[in-house]
Each structure stands twice: as C-alpha cells, then as structure tokens.
Amino acid sequence: MHEYSLVRSLLQRVEAEARSRAATAVRRITVRIGALAGVEPRLFVSAYEVCRPGTVCATADLVIATEAICWRCDTCGAVIPTGDALTCPTCRLPARLSSGDALTLERIELEVQDDV
C-alpha cells in the first residue's frame, strides 16, 4: 500500500508549511484525489489515521475531495465524453487527459497566534 508513503510525504509537507507560518496547530487538511491517481481514498484515510499521531496534524481533520476524469482535445479544447473513443470528433486528433490523475494538497487550515 503506497498510501502510507504518500501520507508520510503529505504530513512532512504540512509540517513544513505550518512551521514556516509559525502555526500552533493544523485544524484541517483538504486533499483532492483524481479517479485515475492510483490512490484508494479509503486506504489513504486509514493511513492518515495511523500516521498522524505525534505530528502537527495529530488533531487535524482530513477532507478528501474527488476529481473527475476529463479528456480534452489539445487543438480545439473539446471535452471528450467518458466512454467515447479518445479521439476528438471534430479534429480527429488524440485526446489528452486534462484532469483526474492527480493527488493534490488543496488546502491547509492552520491556527496561528495573533501578534499582540
């Protein structure tokens, strides 16, 4: 399960961001997982629960957003419907995957101390 290594990398990145902003806590992390990212969301959440204790994310909620698969024509920008041949019906050129294969750290909600 590579989800564990992905979560460890996520936690390192969040830790670095929190440290650079002098955050006192991380409250929520939002991650977008594409349908073709090769990441099982349920396993990702499970790995997060195992890996977060003892980190700056120990009490942070994890929110998983999904990203749909989208194929487009590079020439005319036409969207190719899911299930159709991966060729533009207008240009007859091969379609390109434009979304749905990414794992993205979308948002980190931090708690920071007010400068008084």
C-alpha atoms as a PDB file:
ATOM      1  CA  MET A   1       0.000   0.000   0.000  1.00  0.00           C
ATOM      2  CA  HIS A   2       1.766   3.109  -1.228  1.00  0.00           C
ATOM      3  CA  GLU A   3      -0.862   5.236   0.504  1.00  0.00           C
ATOM      4  CA  TYR A   4       1.294   5.139   3.653  1.00  0.00           C
ATOM      5  CA  SER A   5       4.277   6.688   1.892  1.00  0.00           C
ATOM      6  CA  LEU A   6       2.003   9.284   0.285  1.00  0.00           C
ATOM      7  CA  VAL A   7       0.549  10.195   3.679  1.00  0.00           C
ATOM      8  CA  ARG A   8       4.015  10.452   5.237  1.00  0.00           C
ATOM      9  CA  SER A   9       5.034  12.849   2.457  1.00  0.00           C
ATOM     10  CA  LEU A  10       1.824  14.806   2.964  1.00  0.00           C
ATOM     11  CA  LEU A  11       2.486  15.124   6.688  1.00  0.00           C
ATOM     12  CA  GLN A  12       6.050  16.321   6.039  1.00  0.00           C
ATOM     13  CA  ARG A  13       4.776  18.969   3.627  1.00  0.00           C
ATOM     14  CA  VAL A  14       2.069  20.146   6.027  1.00  0.00           C
ATOM     15  CA  GLU A  15       4.622  20.243   8.870  1.00  0.00           C
ATOM     16  CA  ALA A  16       6.924  22.432   6.755  1.00  0.00           C
ATOM     17  CA  GLU A  17       4.079  24.789   5.826  1.00  0.00           C
ATOM     18  CA  ALA A  18       2.917  25.041   9.444  1.00  0.00           C
ATOM     19  CA  ARG A  19       6.445  25.722  10.668  1.00  0.00           C
ATOM     20  CA  SER A  20       7.054  28.412   8.022  1.00  0.00           C
ATOM     21  CA  ARG A  21       3.930  30.230   9.202  1.00  0.00           C
ATOM     22  CA  ALA A  22       4.579  29.741  12.926  1.00  0.00           C
ATOM     23  CA  ALA A  23       1.312  27.835  13.263  1.00  0.00           C
ATOM     24  CA  THR A  24       0.359  26.496  16.664  1.00  0.00           C
ATOM     25  CA  ALA A  25      -1.857  23.766  15.197  1.00  0.00           C
ATOM     26  CA  VAL A  26      -3.268  22.324  11.998  1.00  0.00           C
ATOM     27  CA  ARG A  27      -7.046  22.070  12.080  1.00  0.00           C
ATOM     28  CA  ARG A  28      -7.939  20.620   8.681  1.00  0.00           C
ATOM     29  CA  ILE A  29      -6.244  19.320   5.548  1.00  0.00           C
ATOM     30  CA  THR A  30      -8.050  19.004   2.220  1.00  0.00           C
ATOM     31  CA  VAL A  31      -6.657  16.635  -0.386  1.00  0.00           C
ATOM     32  CA  ARG A  32      -8.058  16.181  -3.918  1.00  0.00           C
ATOM     33  CA  ILE A  33      -7.722  12.667  -5.329  1.00  0.00           C
ATOM     34  CA  GLY A  34      -8.360  12.019  -9.005  1.00  0.00           C
ATOM     35  CA  ALA A  35     -10.131   8.874 -10.127  1.00  0.00           C
ATOM     36  CA  LEU A  36      -7.004   7.832 -12.073  1.00  0.00           C
ATOM     37  CA  ALA A  37      -4.461   8.875  -9.425  1.00  0.00           C
ATOM     38  CA  GLY A  38      -3.824   5.297  -8.367  1.00  0.00           C
ATOM     39  CA  VAL A  39      -4.776   6.168  -4.791  1.00  0.00           C
ATOM     40  CA  GLU A  40      -7.576   4.439  -2.928  1.00  0.00           C
ATOM     41  CA  PRO A  41      -9.275   7.169  -0.829  1.00  0.00           C
ATOM     42  CA  ARG A  42     -10.377   4.740   1.882  1.00  0.00           C
ATOM     43  CA  LEU A  43      -6.821   3.431   2.296  1.00  0.00           C
ATOM     44  CA  PHE A  44      -5.457   6.990   2.231  1.00  0.00           C
ATOM     45  CA  VAL A  45      -7.750   7.936   5.140  1.00  0.00           C
ATOM     46  CA  SER A  46      -6.744   4.783   7.015  1.00  0.00           C
ATOM     47  CA  ALA A  47      -3.043   5.545   6.505  1.00  0.00           C
ATOM     48  CA  TYR A  48      -3.634   9.111   7.700  1.00  0.00           C
ATOM     49  CA  GLU A  49      -5.236   7.848  10.910  1.00  0.00           C
ATOM     50  CA  VAL A  50      -2.229   5.584  11.564  1.00  0.00           C
ATOM     51  CA  CYS A  51       0.467   8.145  10.687  1.00  0.00           C
ATOM     52  CA  ARG A  52      -0.843  11.395  12.202  1.00  0.00           C
ATOM     53  CA  PRO A  53      -0.364  10.754  15.961  1.00  0.00           C
ATOM     54  CA  GLY A  54       2.684  12.627  17.252  1.00  0.00           C
ATOM     55  CA  THR A  55       2.675  15.048  14.312  1.00  0.00           C
ATOM     56  CA  VAL A  56       1.439  18.617  13.962  1.00  0.00           C
ATOM     57  CA  CYS A  57      -1.627  17.012  12.346  1.00  0.00           C
ATOM     58  CA  ALA A  58      -2.488  14.877  15.379  1.00  0.00           C
ATOM     59  CA  THR A  59      -5.897  16.539  15.784  1.00  0.00           C
ATOM     60  CA  ALA A  60      -6.411  17.723  12.196  1.00  0.00           C
ATOM     61  CA  ASP A  61      -9.367  16.521  10.170  1.00  0.00           C
ATOM     62  CA  LEU A  62      -8.654  15.104   6.727  1.00  0.00           C
ATOM     63  CA  VAL A  63     -11.102  16.032   3.986  1.00  0.00           C
ATOM     64  CA  ILE A  64     -10.984  14.097   0.727  1.00  0.00           C
ATOM     65  CA  ALA A  65     -12.321  15.784  -2.402  1.00  0.00           C
ATOM     66  CA  THR A  66     -12.607  13.858  -5.642  1.00  0.00           C
ATOM     67  CA  GLU A  67     -11.562  14.907  -9.112  1.00  0.00           C
ATOM     68  CA  ALA A  68     -13.405  13.567 -12.131  1.00  0.00           C
ATOM     69  CA  ILE A  69     -11.682  12.260 -15.224  1.00  0.00           C
ATOM     70  CA  CYS A  70     -11.698  14.680 -18.141  1.00  0.00           C
ATOM     71  CA  TRP A  71     -10.268  14.151 -21.616  1.00  0.00           C
ATOM     72  CA  ARG A  72      -9.831  17.116 -23.977  1.00  0.00           C
ATOM     73  CA  CYS A  73      -8.646  17.867 -27.452  1.00  0.00           C
ATOM     74  CA  ASP A  74      -5.435  19.926 -27.351  1.00  0.00           C
ATOM     75  CA  THR A  75      -6.295  21.624 -30.624  1.00  0.00           C
ATOM     76  CA  CYS A  76      -9.898  22.776 -30.202  1.00  0.00           C
ATOM     77  CA  GLY A  77     -10.433  22.226 -26.458  1.00  0.00           C
ATOM     78  CA  ALA A  78     -13.441  19.953 -26.951  1.00  0.00           C
ATOM     79  CA  VAL A  79     -14.284  17.724 -23.999  1.00  0.00           C
ATOM     80  CA  ILE A  80     -14.421  14.046 -24.931  1.00  0.00           C
ATOM     81  CA  PRO A  81     -17.294  12.308 -23.106  1.00  0.00           C
ATOM     82  CA  THR A  82     -16.346   9.471 -20.787  1.00  0.00           C
ATOM     83  CA  GLY A  83     -16.664   6.157 -22.564  1.00  0.00           C
ATOM     84  CA  ASP A  84     -16.185   7.598 -26.048  1.00  0.00           C
ATOM     85  CA  ALA A  85     -13.150   6.893 -28.206  1.00  0.00           C
ATOM     86  CA  LEU A  86     -10.234   9.057 -27.076  1.00  0.00           C
ATOM     87  CA  THR A  87     -10.196  10.988 -30.318  1.00  0.00           C
ATOM     88  CA  CYS A  88     -11.683  14.422 -30.919  1.00  0.00           C
ATOM     89  CA  PRO A  89     -14.860  14.061 -33.001  1.00  0.00           C
ATOM     90  CA  THR A  90     -14.121  17.386 -34.726  1.00  0.00           C
ATOM     91  CA  CYS A  91     -10.328  17.420 -35.229  1.00  0.00           C
ATOM     92  CA  ARG A  92      -9.830  13.640 -35.296  1.00  0.00           C
ATOM     93  CA  LEU A  93      -6.730  14.108 -33.148  1.00  0.00           C
ATOM     94  CA  PRO A  94      -5.941  12.092 -29.992  1.00  0.00           C
ATOM     95  CA  ALA A  95      -7.436  13.400 -26.769  1.00  0.00           C
ATOM     96  CA  ARG A  96      -5.304  14.340 -23.763  1.00  0.00           C
ATOM     97  CA  LEU A  97      -6.126  13.602 -20.142  1.00  0.00           C
ATOM     98  CA  SER A  98      -6.666  17.047 -18.606  1.00  0.00           C
ATOM     99  CA  SER A  99      -7.801  16.052 -15.112  1.00  0.00           C
ATOM    100  CA  GLY A 100      -8.463  13.087 -12.916  1.00  0.00           C
ATOM    101  CA  ASP A 101      -4.954  11.708 -12.405  1.00  0.00           C
ATOM    102  CA  ALA A 102      -3.662  13.996  -9.655  1.00  0.00           C
ATOM    103  CA  LEU A 103      -3.208  13.819  -5.907  1.00  0.00           C
ATOM    104  CA  THR A 104      -3.218  17.426  -4.729  1.00  0.00           C
ATOM    105  CA  LEU A 105      -2.807  19.055  -1.337  1.00  0.00           C
ATOM    106  CA  GLU A 106      -5.540  21.599  -1.846  1.00  0.00           C
ATOM    107  CA  ARG A 107      -5.882  23.364   1.498  1.00  0.00           C
ATOM    108  CA  ILE A 108      -4.325  23.532   4.963  1.00  0.00           C
ATOM    109  CA  GLU A 109      -6.230  25.245   7.745  1.00  0.00           C
ATOM    110  CA  LEU A 110      -3.799  26.487  10.365  1.00  0.00           C
ATOM    111  CA  GLU A 111      -4.163  28.030  13.756  1.00  0.00           C
ATOM    112  CA  VAL A 112      -1.748  30.876  14.278  1.00  0.00           C
ATOM    113  CA  GLN A 113      -1.220  33.127  17.238  1.00  0.00           C
ATOM    114  CA  ASP A 114      -2.197  36.777  16.866  1.00  0.00           C
ATOM    115  CA  ASP A 115       0.698  39.212  17.071  1.00  0.00           C
ATOM    116  CA  VAL A 116      -0.195  41.418  20.027  1.00  0.00           C
END
